[in-house]
Amino acid sequence: LSWLENNAIQYVGGGLNRAEARKARIVEKQGIRIGFLSYNCTG
């Protein structure tokens, strides 16, 4: 996570705790808001 943050790459579906891991992310491009959610279904 530290490397991704230091290199300005957003991440979704993972984090230091439950709230961070489940947080939705939005990438905005040309005024379009693209939302991302991500889940592991495999254990």
PDB file of all heavy atoms in Angstrom:
ATOM      1  N   LEU A   1       0.826  -1.205   0.000  1.00  0.00           N
ATOM      2  CA  LEU A   1       0.000   0.000   0.000  1.00  0.00           C
ATOM      3  C   LEU A   1       0.862   1.259   0.000  1.00  0.00           C
ATOM      4  O   LEU A   1       0.549   2.235  -0.700  1.00  0.00           O
ATOM      5  CB  LEU A   1      -0.919   0.013   1.215  1.00  0.00           C
ATOM      6  CG  LEU A   1      -1.938  -1.122   1.348  1.00  0.00           C
ATOM      7  CD1 LEU A   1      -2.845  -0.876   2.543  1.00  0.00           C
ATOM      8  CD2 LEU A   1      -2.749  -1.283   0.085  1.00  0.00           C
ATOM      9  N   SER A   2       1.922   1.237   0.769  1.00  0.00           N
ATOM     10  CA  SER A   2       2.811   2.396   0.843  1.00  0.00           C
ATOM     11  C   SER A   2       3.408   2.716  -0.524  1.00  0.00           C
ATOM     12  O   SER A   2       3.459   3.883  -0.937  1.00  0.00           O
ATOM     13  CB  SER A   2       3.918   2.138   1.862  1.00  0.00           C
ATOM     14  OG  SER A   2       4.817   3.227   1.911  1.00  0.00           O
ATOM     15  N   TRP A   3       3.845   1.671  -1.233  1.00  0.00           N
ATOM     16  CA  TRP A   3       4.435   1.904  -2.557  1.00  0.00           C
ATOM     17  C   TRP A   3       3.387   2.470  -3.511  1.00  0.00           C
ATOM     18  O   TRP A   3       3.666   3.422  -4.258  1.00  0.00           O
ATOM     19  CB  TRP A   3       5.015   0.611  -3.128  1.00  0.00           C
ATOM     20  CG  TRP A   3       5.761   0.859  -4.409  1.00  0.00           C
ATOM     21  CD1 TRP A   3       7.088   1.139  -4.558  1.00  0.00           C
ATOM     22  CD2 TRP A   3       5.185   0.908  -5.728  1.00  0.00           C
ATOM     23  NE1 TRP A   3       7.386   1.350  -5.881  1.00  0.00           N
ATOM     24  CE2 TRP A   3       6.238   1.220  -6.628  1.00  0.00           C
ATOM     25  CE3 TRP A   3       3.911   0.715  -6.240  1.00  0.00           C
ATOM     26  CZ2 TRP A   3       6.050   1.342  -7.999  1.00  0.00           C
ATOM     27  CZ3 TRP A   3       3.707   0.856  -7.611  1.00  0.00           C
ATOM     28  CH2 TRP A   3       4.763   1.156  -8.475  1.00  0.00           C
ATOM     29  N   LEU A   4       2.189   1.928  -3.513  1.00  0.00           N
ATOM     30  CA  LEU A   4       1.140   2.423  -4.397  1.00  0.00           C
ATOM     31  C   LEU A   4       0.804   3.879  -4.096  1.00  0.00           C
ATOM     32  O   LEU A   4       0.674   4.705  -5.006  1.00  0.00           O
ATOM     33  CB  LEU A   4      -0.112   1.550  -4.260  1.00  0.00           C
ATOM     34  CG  LEU A   4       0.008   0.107  -4.783  1.00  0.00           C
ATOM     35  CD1 LEU A   4      -1.207  -0.711  -4.349  1.00  0.00           C
ATOM     36  CD2 LEU A   4       0.163   0.076  -6.297  1.00  0.00           C
ATOM     37  N   GLU A   5       0.679   4.209  -2.824  1.00  0.00           N
ATOM     38  CA  GLU A   5       0.365   5.582  -2.447  1.00  0.00           C
ATOM     39  C   GLU A   5       1.480   6.540  -2.848  1.00  0.00           C
ATOM     40  O   GLU A   5       1.226   7.635  -3.360  1.00  0.00           O
ATOM     41  CB  GLU A   5       0.111   5.655  -0.943  1.00  0.00           C
ATOM     42  CG  GLU A   5      -1.179   4.959  -0.521  1.00  0.00           C
ATOM     43  CD  GLU A   5      -1.273   4.752   0.978  1.00  0.00           C
ATOM     44  OE1 GLU A   5      -0.293   5.081   1.687  1.00  0.00           O
ATOM     45  OE2 GLU A   5      -2.327   4.260   1.435  1.00  0.00           O
ATOM     46  N   ASN A   6       2.726   6.125  -2.632  1.00  0.00           N
ATOM     47  CA  ASN A   6       3.870   6.986  -2.966  1.00  0.00           C
ATOM     48  C   ASN A   6       4.011   7.202  -4.469  1.00  0.00           C
ATOM     49  O   ASN A   6       4.671   8.152  -4.905  1.00  0.00           O
ATOM     50  CB  ASN A   6       5.167   6.389  -2.419  1.00  0.00           C
ATOM     51  CG  ASN A   6       5.249   6.462  -0.912  1.00  0.00           C
ATOM     52  OD1 ASN A   6       4.562   7.270  -0.275  1.00  0.00           O
ATOM     53  ND2 ASN A   6       6.063   5.618  -0.315  1.00  0.00           N
ATOM     54  N   ASN A   7       3.409   6.319  -5.254  1.00  0.00           N
ATOM     55  CA  ASN A   7       3.508   6.432  -6.709  1.00  0.00           C
ATOM     56  C   ASN A   7       2.179   6.801  -7.357  1.00  0.00           C
ATOM     57  O   ASN A   7       2.007   6.636  -8.564  1.00  0.00           O
ATOM     58  CB  ASN A   7       4.045   5.127  -7.288  1.00  0.00           C
ATOM     59  CG  ASN A   7       5.519   4.931  -6.980  1.00  0.00           C
ATOM     60  OD1 ASN A   7       6.381   5.472  -7.656  1.00  0.00           O
ATOM     61  ND2 ASN A   7       5.801   4.161  -5.933  1.00  0.00           N
ATOM     62  N   ALA A   8       1.273   7.323  -6.547  1.00  0.00           N
ATOM     63  CA  ALA A   8       0.014   7.909  -7.028  1.00  0.00           C
ATOM     64  C   ALA A   8      -0.837   6.925  -7.818  1.00  0.00           C
ATOM     65  O   ALA A   8      -1.489   7.291  -8.798  1.00  0.00           O
ATOM     66  CB  ALA A   8       0.301   9.158  -7.867  1.00  0.00           C
ATOM     67  N   ILE A   9      -0.829   5.657  -7.399  1.00  0.00           N
ATOM     68  CA  ILE A   9      -1.706   4.653  -7.993  1.00  0.00           C
ATOM     69  C   ILE A   9      -2.809   4.335  -6.986  1.00  0.00           C
ATOM     70  O   ILE A   9      -2.520   3.951  -5.850  1.00  0.00           O
ATOM     71  CB  ILE A   9      -0.935   3.370  -8.349  1.00  0.00           C
ATOM     72  CG1 ILE A   9       0.165   3.680  -9.380  1.00  0.00           C
ATOM     73  CG2 ILE A   9      -1.882   2.301  -8.893  1.00  0.00           C
ATOM     74  CD1 ILE A   9       1.063   2.501  -9.675  1.00  0.00           C
ATOM     75  N   GLN A  10      -4.044   4.529  -7.384  1.00  0.00           N
ATOM     76  CA  GLN A  10      -5.145   4.197  -6.489  1.00  0.00           C
ATOM     77  C   GLN A  10      -5.275   2.682  -6.366  1.00  0.00           C
ATOM     78  O   GLN A  10      -4.870   1.922  -7.249  1.00  0.00           O
ATOM     79  CB  GLN A  10      -6.460   4.773  -7.022  1.00  0.00           C
ATOM     80  CG  GLN A  10      -6.571   6.283  -6.938  1.00  0.00           C
ATOM     81  CD  GLN A  10      -8.028   6.732  -6.946  1.00  0.00           C
ATOM     82  OE1 GLN A  10      -8.788   6.432  -6.026  1.00  0.00           O
ATOM     83  NE2 GLN A  10      -8.409   7.466  -7.984  1.00  0.00           N
ATOM     84  N   TYR A  11      -5.856   2.238  -5.260  1.00  0.00           N
ATOM     85  CA  TYR A  11      -6.119   0.816  -5.076  1.00  0.00           C
ATOM     86  C   TYR A  11      -7.508   0.640  -4.486  1.00  0.00           C
ATOM     87  O   TYR A  11      -8.040   1.510  -3.803  1.00  0.00           O
ATOM     88  CB  TYR A  11      -5.058   0.155  -4.187  1.00  0.00           C
ATOM     89  CG  TYR A  11      -4.857   0.804  -2.839  1.00  0.00           C
ATOM     90  CD1 TYR A  11      -5.657   0.462  -1.750  1.00  0.00           C
ATOM     91  CD2 TYR A  11      -3.862   1.763  -2.653  1.00  0.00           C
ATOM     92  CE1 TYR A  11      -5.467   1.054  -0.512  1.00  0.00           C
ATOM     93  CE2 TYR A  11      -3.663   2.366  -1.417  1.00  0.00           C
ATOM     94  CZ  TYR A  11      -4.463   2.004  -0.351  1.00  0.00           C
ATOM     95  OH  TYR A  11      -4.275   2.595   0.883  1.00  0.00           O
ATOM     96  N   VAL A  12      -8.087  -0.524  -4.758  1.00  0.00           N
ATOM     97  CA  VAL A  12      -9.439  -0.827  -4.308  1.00  0.00           C
ATOM     98  C   VAL A  12      -9.484  -2.295  -3.898  1.00  0.00           C
ATOM     99  O   VAL A  12      -8.750  -3.127  -4.429  1.00  0.00           O
ATOM    100  CB  VAL A  12     -10.462  -0.522  -5.426  1.00  0.00           C
ATOM    101  CG1 VAL A  12     -10.254  -1.429  -6.635  1.00  0.00           C
ATOM    102  CG2 VAL A  12     -11.898  -0.627  -4.924  1.00  0.00           C
ATOM    103  N   GLY A  13     -10.317  -2.618  -2.923  1.00  0.00           N
ATOM    104  CA  GLY A  13     -10.480  -4.006  -2.519  1.00  0.00           C
ATOM    105  C   GLY A  13      -9.491  -4.491  -1.489  1.00  0.00           C
ATOM    106  O   GLY A  13      -9.534  -5.656  -1.087  1.00  0.00           O
ATOM    107  N   GLY A  14      -8.599  -3.635  -1.025  1.00  0.00           N
ATOM    108  CA  GLY A  14      -7.628  -4.010  -0.009  1.00  0.00           C
ATOM    109  C   GLY A  14      -7.280  -2.814   0.846  1.00  0.00           C
ATOM    110  O   GLY A  14      -7.443  -1.663   0.423  1.00  0.00           O
ATOM    111  N   GLY A  15      -6.799  -3.081   2.061  1.00  0.00           N
ATOM    112  CA  GLY A  15      -6.449  -1.970   2.932  1.00  0.00           C
ATOM    113  C   GLY A  15      -5.939  -2.440   4.276  1.00  0.00           C
ATOM    114  O   GLY A  15      -5.820  -3.637   4.540  1.00  0.00           O
ATOM    115  N   LEU A  16      -5.618  -1.484   5.129  1.00  0.00           N
ATOM    116  CA  LEU A  16      -5.072  -1.789   6.451  1.00  0.00           C
ATOM    117  C   LEU A  16      -6.128  -2.254   7.441  1.00  0.00           C
ATOM    118  O   LEU A  16      -5.792  -2.753   8.511  1.00  0.00           O
ATOM    119  CB  LEU A  16      -4.352  -0.554   6.997  1.00  0.00           C
ATOM    120  CG  LEU A  16      -3.130  -0.080   6.198  1.00  0.00           C
ATOM    121  CD1 LEU A  16      -2.539   1.171   6.838  1.00  0.00           C
ATOM    122  CD2 LEU A  16      -2.088  -1.181   6.102  1.00  0.00           C
ATOM    123  N   ASN A  17      -7.397  -2.071   7.068  1.00  0.00           N
ATOM    124  CA  ASN A  17      -8.496  -2.542   7.913  1.00  0.00           C
ATOM    125  C   ASN A  17      -9.729  -2.720   7.037  1.00  0.00           C
ATOM    126  O   ASN A  17      -9.704  -2.418   5.833  1.00  0.00           O
ATOM    127  CB  ASN A  17      -8.762  -1.563   9.062  1.00  0.00           C
ATOM    128  CG  ASN A  17      -8.946  -0.146   8.557  1.00  0.00           C
ATOM    129  OD1 ASN A  17      -9.797   0.115   7.710  1.00  0.00           O
ATOM    130  ND2 ASN A  17      -8.142   0.782   9.065  1.00  0.00           N
ATOM    131  N   ARG A  18     -10.808  -3.187   7.635  1.00  0.00           N
ATOM    132  CA  ARG A  18     -12.019  -3.504   6.870  1.00  0.00           C
ATOM    133  C   ARG A  18     -12.573  -2.277   6.154  1.00  0.00           C
ATOM    134  O   ARG A  18     -12.939  -2.350   4.967  1.00  0.00           O
ATOM    135  CB  ARG A  18     -13.076  -4.083   7.805  1.00  0.00           C
ATOM    136  CG  ARG A  18     -14.371  -4.427   7.081  1.00  0.00           C
ATOM    137  CD  ARG A  18     -15.460  -4.917   8.037  1.00  0.00           C
ATOM    138  NE  ARG A  18     -15.204  -6.269   8.513  1.00  0.00           N
ATOM    139  CZ  ARG A  18     -14.894  -6.587   9.751  1.00  0.00           C
ATOM    140  NH1 ARG A  18     -14.771  -5.627  10.671  1.00  0.00           N
ATOM    141  NH2 ARG A  18     -14.689  -7.835  10.113  1.00  0.00           N
ATOM    142  N   ALA A  19     -12.647  -1.149   6.853  1.00  0.00           N
ATOM    143  CA  ALA A  19     -13.237   0.047   6.252  1.00  0.00           C
ATOM    144  C   ALA A  19     -12.450   0.493   5.026  1.00  0.00           C
ATOM    145  O   ALA A  19     -13.031   0.867   3.999  1.00  0.00           O
ATOM    146  CB  ALA A  19     -13.291   1.170   7.290  1.00  0.00           C
ATOM    147  N   GLU A  20     -11.134   0.453   5.118  1.00  0.00           N
ATOM    148  CA  GLU A  20     -10.302   0.871   3.991  1.00  0.00           C
ATOM    149  C   GLU A  20     -10.411  -0.119   2.841  1.00  0.00           C
ATOM    150  O   GLU A  20     -10.467   0.268   1.666  1.00  0.00           O
ATOM    151  CB  GLU A  20      -8.846   1.006   4.435  1.00  0.00           C
ATOM    152  CG  GLU A  20      -7.934   1.589   3.369  1.00  0.00           C
ATOM    153  CD  GLU A  20      -6.529   1.825   3.892  1.00  0.00           C
ATOM    154  OE1 GLU A  20      -6.392   2.653   4.820  1.00  0.00           O
ATOM    155  OE2 GLU A  20      -5.591   1.178   3.388  1.00  0.00           O
ATOM    156  N   ALA A  21     -10.455  -1.416   3.154  1.00  0.00           N
ATOM    157  CA  ALA A  21     -10.515  -2.430   2.111  1.00  0.00           C
ATOM    158  C   ALA A  21     -11.834  -2.360   1.335  1.00  0.00           C
ATOM    159  O   ALA A  21     -11.868  -2.673   0.140  1.00  0.00           O
ATOM    160  CB  ALA A  21     -10.341  -3.818   2.718  1.00  0.00           C
ATOM    161  N   ARG A  22     -12.900  -1.957   1.988  1.00  0.00           N
ATOM    162  CA  ARG A  22     -14.216  -1.941   1.339  1.00  0.00           C
ATOM    163  C   ARG A  22     -14.553  -0.572   0.740  1.00  0.00           C
ATOM    164  O   ARG A  22     -15.650  -0.390   0.181  1.00  0.00           O
ATOM    165  CB  ARG A  22     -15.298  -2.358   2.335  1.00  0.00           C
ATOM    166  CG  ARG A  22     -15.086  -3.734   2.937  1.00  0.00           C
ATOM    167  CD  ARG A  22     -16.293  -4.209   3.706  1.00  0.00           C
ATOM    168  NE  ARG A  22     -17.362  -4.608   2.793  1.00  0.00           N
ATOM    169  CZ  ARG A  22     -17.549  -5.855   2.361  1.00  0.00           C
ATOM    170  NH1 ARG A  22     -16.732  -6.816   2.739  1.00  0.00           N
ATOM    171  NH2 ARG A  22     -18.554  -6.126   1.539  1.00  0.00           N
ATOM    172  N   LYS A  23     -13.651   0.357   0.828  1.00  0.00           N
ATOM    173  CA  LYS A  23     -13.909   1.709   0.337  1.00  0.00           C
ATOM    174  C   LYS A  23     -13.946   1.745  -1.181  1.00  0.00           C
ATOM    175  O   LYS A  23     -13.057   1.233  -1.857  1.00  0.00           O
ATOM    176  CB  LYS A  23     -12.838   2.661   0.852  1.00  0.00           C
ATOM    177  CG  LYS A  23     -13.061   4.123   0.450  1.00  0.00           C
ATOM    178  CD  LYS A  23     -11.981   5.015   1.028  1.00  0.00           C
ATOM    179  CE  LYS A  23     -12.189   6.462   0.620  1.00  0.00           C
ATOM    180  NZ  LYS A  23     -11.124   7.349   1.181  1.00  0.00           N
ATOM    181  N   ALA A  24     -14.976   2.352  -1.728  1.00  0.00           N
ATOM    182  CA  ALA A  24     -15.061   2.551  -3.172  1.00  0.00           C
ATOM    183  C   ALA A  24     -14.052   3.601  -3.604  1.00  0.00           C
ATOM    184  O   ALA A  24     -13.703   4.506  -2.839  1.00  0.00           O
ATOM    185  CB  ALA A  24     -16.475   2.982  -3.564  1.00  0.00           C
ATOM    186  N   ARG A  25     -13.580   3.480  -4.827  1.00  0.00           N
ATOM    187  CA  ARG A  25     -12.638   4.455  -5.392  1.00  0.00           C
ATOM    188  C   ARG A  25     -13.232   5.037  -6.669  1.00  0.00           C
ATOM    189  O   ARG A  25     -13.958   4.352  -7.403  1.00  0.00           O
ATOM    190  CB  ARG A  25     -11.298   3.808  -5.707  1.00  0.00           C
ATOM    191  CG  ARG A  25     -10.670   3.096  -4.519  1.00  0.00           C
ATOM    192  CD  ARG A  25     -10.158   4.065  -3.461  1.00  0.00           C
ATOM    193  NE  ARG A  25      -9.578   3.338  -2.331  1.00  0.00           N
ATOM    194  CZ  ARG A  25      -8.951   3.915  -1.304  1.00  0.00           C
ATOM    195  NH1 ARG A  25      -8.844   5.241  -1.273  1.00  0.00           N
ATOM    196  NH2 ARG A  25      -8.466   3.189  -0.326  1.00  0.00           N
ATOM    197  N   ILE A  26     -12.906   6.280  -6.945  1.00  0.00           N
ATOM    198  CA  ILE A  26     -13.387   6.947  -8.155  1.00  0.00           C
ATOM    199  C   ILE A  26     -12.197   7.525  -8.909  1.00  0.00           C
ATOM    200  O   ILE A  26     -11.362   8.238  -8.344  1.00  0.00           O
ATOM    201  CB  ILE A  26     -14.406   8.050  -7.823  1.00  0.00           C
ATOM    202  CG1 ILE A  26     -15.683   7.425  -7.251  1.00  0.00           C
ATOM    203  CG2 ILE A  26     -14.717   8.880  -9.070  1.00  0.00           C
ATOM    204  CD1 ILE A  26     -16.740   8.418  -6.846  1.00  0.00           C
ATOM    205  N   VAL A  27     -12.102   7.178 -10.182  1.00  0.00           N
ATOM    206  CA  VAL A  27     -11.125   7.768 -11.090  1.00  0.00           C
ATOM    207  C   VAL A  27     -11.887   8.720 -12.005  1.00  0.00           C
ATOM    208  O   VAL A  27     -12.848   8.313 -12.664  1.00  0.00           O
ATOM    209  CB  VAL A  27     -10.405   6.684 -11.921  1.00  0.00           C
ATOM    210  CG1 VAL A  27      -9.493   7.328 -12.961  1.00  0.00           C
ATOM    211  CG2 VAL A  27      -9.610   5.755 -11.015  1.00  0.00           C
ATOM    212  N   GLU A  28     -11.475   9.979 -12.033  1.00  0.00           N
ATOM    213  CA  GLU A  28     -12.161  10.957 -12.882  1.00  0.00           C
ATOM    214  C   GLU A  28     -11.319  11.263 -14.103  1.00  0.00           C
ATOM    215  O   GLU A  28     -10.119  11.541 -14.007  1.00  0.00           O
ATOM    216  CB  GLU A  28     -12.450  12.241 -12.102  1.00  0.00           C
ATOM    217  CG  GLU A  28     -13.305  13.231 -12.880  1.00  0.00           C
ATOM    218  CD  GLU A  28     -13.897  14.325 -12.022  1.00  0.00           C
ATOM    219  OE1 GLU A  28     -14.074  14.108 -10.808  1.00  0.00           O
ATOM    220  OE2 GLU A  28     -14.189  15.398 -12.576  1.00  0.00           O
ATOM    221  N   LYS A  29     -11.933  11.190 -15.275  1.00  0.00           N
ATOM    222  CA  LYS A  29     -11.245  11.448 -16.530  1.00  0.00           C
ATOM    223  C   LYS A  29     -12.192  12.206 -17.449  1.00  0.00           C
ATOM    224  O   LYS A  29     -13.311  11.764 -17.710  1.00  0.00           O
ATOM    225  CB  LYS A  29     -10.821  10.128 -17.173  1.00  0.00           C
ATOM    226  CG  LYS A  29      -9.850  10.269 -18.314  1.00  0.00           C
ATOM    227  CD  LYS A  29      -8.461  10.708 -17.859  1.00  0.00           C
ATOM    228  CE  LYS A  29      -7.762   9.682 -17.016  1.00  0.00           C
ATOM    229  NZ  LYS A  29      -6.342   9.991 -16.775  1.00  0.00           N
ATOM    230  N   GLN A  30     -11.759  13.378 -17.890  1.00  0.00           N
ATOM    231  CA  GLN A  30     -12.556  14.238 -18.763  1.00  0.00           C
ATOM    232  C   GLN A  30     -13.949  14.502 -18.184  1.00  0.00           C
ATOM    233  O   GLN A  30     -14.961  14.525 -18.894  1.00  0.00           O
ATOM    234  CB  GLN A  30     -12.665  13.624 -20.171  1.00  0.00           C
ATOM    235  CG  GLN A  30     -11.333  13.495 -20.880  1.00  0.00           C
ATOM    236  CD  GLN A  30     -11.474  12.960 -22.292  1.00  0.00           C
ATOM    237  OE1 GLN A  30     -12.497  13.162 -22.947  1.00  0.00           O
ATOM    238  NE2 GLN A  30     -10.452  12.275 -22.778  1.00  0.00           N
ATOM    239  N   GLY A  31     -13.981  14.671 -16.868  1.00  0.00           N
ATOM    240  CA  GLY A  31     -15.226  14.980 -16.191  1.00  0.00           C
ATOM    241  C   GLY A  31     -16.123  13.788 -15.950  1.00  0.00           C
ATOM    242  O   GLY A  31     -17.205  13.933 -15.377  1.00  0.00           O
ATOM    243  N   ILE A  32     -15.687  12.593 -16.367  1.00  0.00           N
ATOM    244  CA  ILE A  32     -16.468  11.377 -16.161  1.00  0.00           C
ATOM    245  C   ILE A  32     -15.977  10.691 -14.895  1.00  0.00           C
ATOM    246  O   ILE A  32     -14.779  10.427 -14.735  1.00  0.00           O
ATOM    247  CB  ILE A  32     -16.345  10.417 -17.363  1.00  0.00           C
ATOM    248  CG1 ILE A  32     -16.801  11.114 -18.644  1.00  0.00           C
ATOM    249  CG2 ILE A  32     -17.158   9.147 -17.120  1.00  0.00           C
ATOM    250  CD1 ILE A  32     -16.513  10.323 -19.902  1.00  0.00           C
ATOM    251  N   ARG A  33     -16.875  10.397 -13.985  1.00  0.00           N
ATOM    252  CA  ARG A  33     -16.533   9.731 -12.727  1.00  0.00           C
ATOM    253  C   ARG A  33     -16.721   8.222 -12.877  1.00  0.00           C
ATOM    254  O   ARG A  33     -17.847   7.748 -13.035  1.00  0.00           O
ATOM    255  CB  ARG A  33     -17.394  10.269 -11.589  1.00  0.00           C
ATOM    256  CG  ARG A  33     -17.216  11.777 -11.318  1.00  0.00           C
ATOM    257  CD  ARG A  33     -18.317  12.289 -10.415  1.00  0.00           C
ATOM    258  NE  ARG A  33     -19.626  12.065 -11.037  1.00  0.00           N
ATOM    259  CZ  ARG A  33     -20.784  12.119 -10.375  1.00  0.00           C
ATOM    260  NH1 ARG A  33     -20.792  12.368  -9.072  1.00  0.00           N
ATOM    261  NH2 ARG A  33     -21.931  11.917 -11.005  1.00  0.00           N
ATOM    262  N   ILE A  34     -15.602   7.491 -12.824  1.00  0.00           N
ATOM    263  CA  ILE A  34     -15.621   6.039 -12.995  1.00  0.00           C
ATOM    264  C   ILE A  34     -15.402   5.406 -11.627  1.00  0.00           C
ATOM    265  O   ILE A  34     -14.340   5.549 -11.023  1.00  0.00           O
ATOM    266  CB  ILE A  34     -14.531   5.578 -13.976  1.00  0.00           C
ATOM    267  CG1 ILE A  34     -14.647   6.356 -15.298  1.00  0.00           C
ATOM    268  CG2 ILE A  34     -14.622   4.075 -14.218  1.00  0.00           C
ATOM    269  CD1 ILE A  34     -13.464   6.165 -16.217  1.00  0.00           C
ATOM    270  N   GLY A  35     -16.428   4.735 -11.118  1.00  0.00           N
ATOM    271  CA  GLY A  35     -16.352   4.139  -9.793  1.00  0.00           C
ATOM    272  C   GLY A  35     -15.880   2.696  -9.844  1.00  0.00           C
ATOM    273  O   GLY A  35     -16.187   1.955 -10.788  1.00  0.00           O
ATOM    274  N   PHE A  36     -15.139   2.290  -8.808  1.00  0.00           N
ATOM    275  CA  PHE A  36     -14.605   0.933  -8.723  1.00  0.00           C
ATOM    276  C   PHE A  36     -14.909   0.328  -7.352  1.00  0.00           C
ATOM    277  O   PHE A  36     -14.706   0.977  -6.317  1.00  0.00           O
ATOM    278  CB  PHE A  36     -13.086   0.919  -8.913  1.00  0.00           C
ATOM    279  CG  PHE A  36     -12.627   1.253 -10.305  1.00  0.00           C
ATOM    280  CD1 PHE A  36     -12.450   2.576 -10.697  1.00  0.00           C
ATOM    281  CD2 PHE A  36     -12.355   0.248 -11.223  1.00  0.00           C
ATOM    282  CE1 PHE A  36     -12.023   2.897 -11.984  1.00  0.00           C
ATOM    283  CE2 PHE A  36     -11.920   0.548 -12.504  1.00  0.00           C
ATOM    284  CZ  PHE A  36     -11.757   1.875 -12.884  1.00  0.00           C
ATOM    285  N   LEU A  37     -15.373  -0.909  -7.364  1.00  0.00           N
ATOM    286  CA  LEU A  37     -15.460  -1.748  -6.178  1.00  0.00           C
ATOM    287  C   LEU A  37     -14.822  -3.086  -6.500  1.00  0.00           C
ATOM    288  O   LEU A  37     -14.771  -3.500  -7.662  1.00  0.00           O
ATOM    289  CB  LEU A  37     -16.912  -1.960  -5.761  1.00  0.00           C
ATOM    290  CG  LEU A  37     -17.625  -0.801  -5.072  1.00  0.00           C
ATOM    291  CD1 LEU A  37     -19.125  -1.056  -5.009  1.00  0.00           C
ATOM    292  CD2 LEU A  37     -17.062  -0.581  -3.667  1.00  0.00           C
ATOM    293  N   SER A  38     -14.324  -3.779  -5.463  1.00  0.00           N
ATOM    294  CA  SER A  38     -13.610  -5.031  -5.711  1.00  0.00           C
ATOM    295  C   SER A  38     -13.737  -5.970  -4.516  1.00  0.00           C
ATOM    296  O   SER A  38     -13.645  -5.529  -3.362  1.00  0.00           O
ATOM    297  CB  SER A  38     -12.129  -4.737  -5.987  1.00  0.00           C
ATOM    298  OG  SER A  38     -11.436  -5.910  -6.306  1.00  0.00           O
ATOM    299  N   TYR A  39     -13.933  -7.277  -4.805  1.00  0.00           N
ATOM    300  CA  TYR A  39     -14.137  -8.258  -3.744  1.00  0.00           C
ATOM    301  C   TYR A  39     -13.457  -9.579  -4.108  1.00  0.00           C
ATOM    302  O   TYR A  39     -13.481 -10.010  -5.267  1.00  0.00           O
ATOM    303  CB  TYR A  39     -15.634  -8.527  -3.527  1.00  0.00           C
ATOM    304  CG  TYR A  39     -16.434  -7.289  -3.226  1.00  0.00           C
ATOM    305  CD1 TYR A  39     -17.008  -6.545  -4.258  1.00  0.00           C
ATOM    306  CD2 TYR A  39     -16.596  -6.839  -1.917  1.00  0.00           C
ATOM    307  CE1 TYR A  39     -17.734  -5.401  -3.994  1.00  0.00           C
ATOM    308  CE2 TYR A  39     -17.327  -5.687  -1.644  1.00  0.00           C
ATOM    309  CZ  TYR A  39     -17.884  -4.966  -2.687  1.00  0.00           C
ATOM    310  OH  TYR A  39     -18.598  -3.822  -2.422  1.00  0.00           O
ATOM    311  N   ASN A  40     -12.919 -10.227  -3.097  1.00  0.00           N
ATOM    312  CA  ASN A  40     -12.382 -11.575  -3.228  1.00  0.00           C
ATOM    313  C   ASN A  40     -13.484 -12.570  -2.872  1.00  0.00           C
ATOM    314  O   ASN A  40     -14.087 -12.483  -1.800  1.00  0.00           O
ATOM    315  CB  ASN A  40     -11.185 -11.751  -2.293  1.00  0.00           C
ATOM    316  CG  ASN A  40     -10.670 -13.165  -2.264  1.00  0.00           C
ATOM    317  OD1 ASN A  40     -10.701 -13.869  -3.266  1.00  0.00           O
ATOM    318  ND2 ASN A  40     -10.172 -13.601  -1.112  1.00  0.00           N
ATOM    319  N   CYS A  41     -13.725 -13.535  -3.746  1.00  0.00           N
ATOM    320  CA  CYS A  41     -14.765 -14.551  -3.507  1.00  0.00           C
ATOM    321  C   CYS A  41     -14.163 -15.933  -3.278  1.00  0.00           C
ATOM    322  O   CYS A  41     -14.900 -16.924  -3.242  1.00  0.00           O
ATOM    323  CB  CYS A  41     -15.708 -14.616  -4.711  1.00  0.00           C
ATOM    324  SG  CYS A  41     -16.416 -13.031  -5.179  1.00  0.00           S
ATOM    325  N   THR A  42     -12.847 -16.020  -3.131  1.00  0.00           N
ATOM    326  CA  THR A  42     -12.184 -17.329  -3.125  1.00  0.00           C
ATOM    327  C   THR A  42     -11.629 -17.733  -1.769  1.00  0.00           C
ATOM    328  O   THR A  42     -11.123 -18.852  -1.631  1.00  0.00           O
ATOM    329  CB  THR A  42     -11.039 -17.346  -4.147  1.00  0.00           C
ATOM    330  OG1 THR A  42     -10.005 -16.449  -3.725  1.00  0.00           O
ATOM    331  CG2 THR A  42     -11.526 -16.939  -5.529  1.00  0.00           C
ATOM    332  N   GLY A  43     -11.690 -16.847  -0.763  1.00  0.00           N
ATOM    333  CA  GLY A  43     -11.063 -17.170   0.516  1.00  0.00           C
ATOM    334  C   GLY A  43      -9.551 -17.172   0.361  1.00  0.00           C
ATOM    335  O   GLY A  43      -9.025 -16.662  -0.622  1.00  0.00           O
TER     336      GLY A  43
END
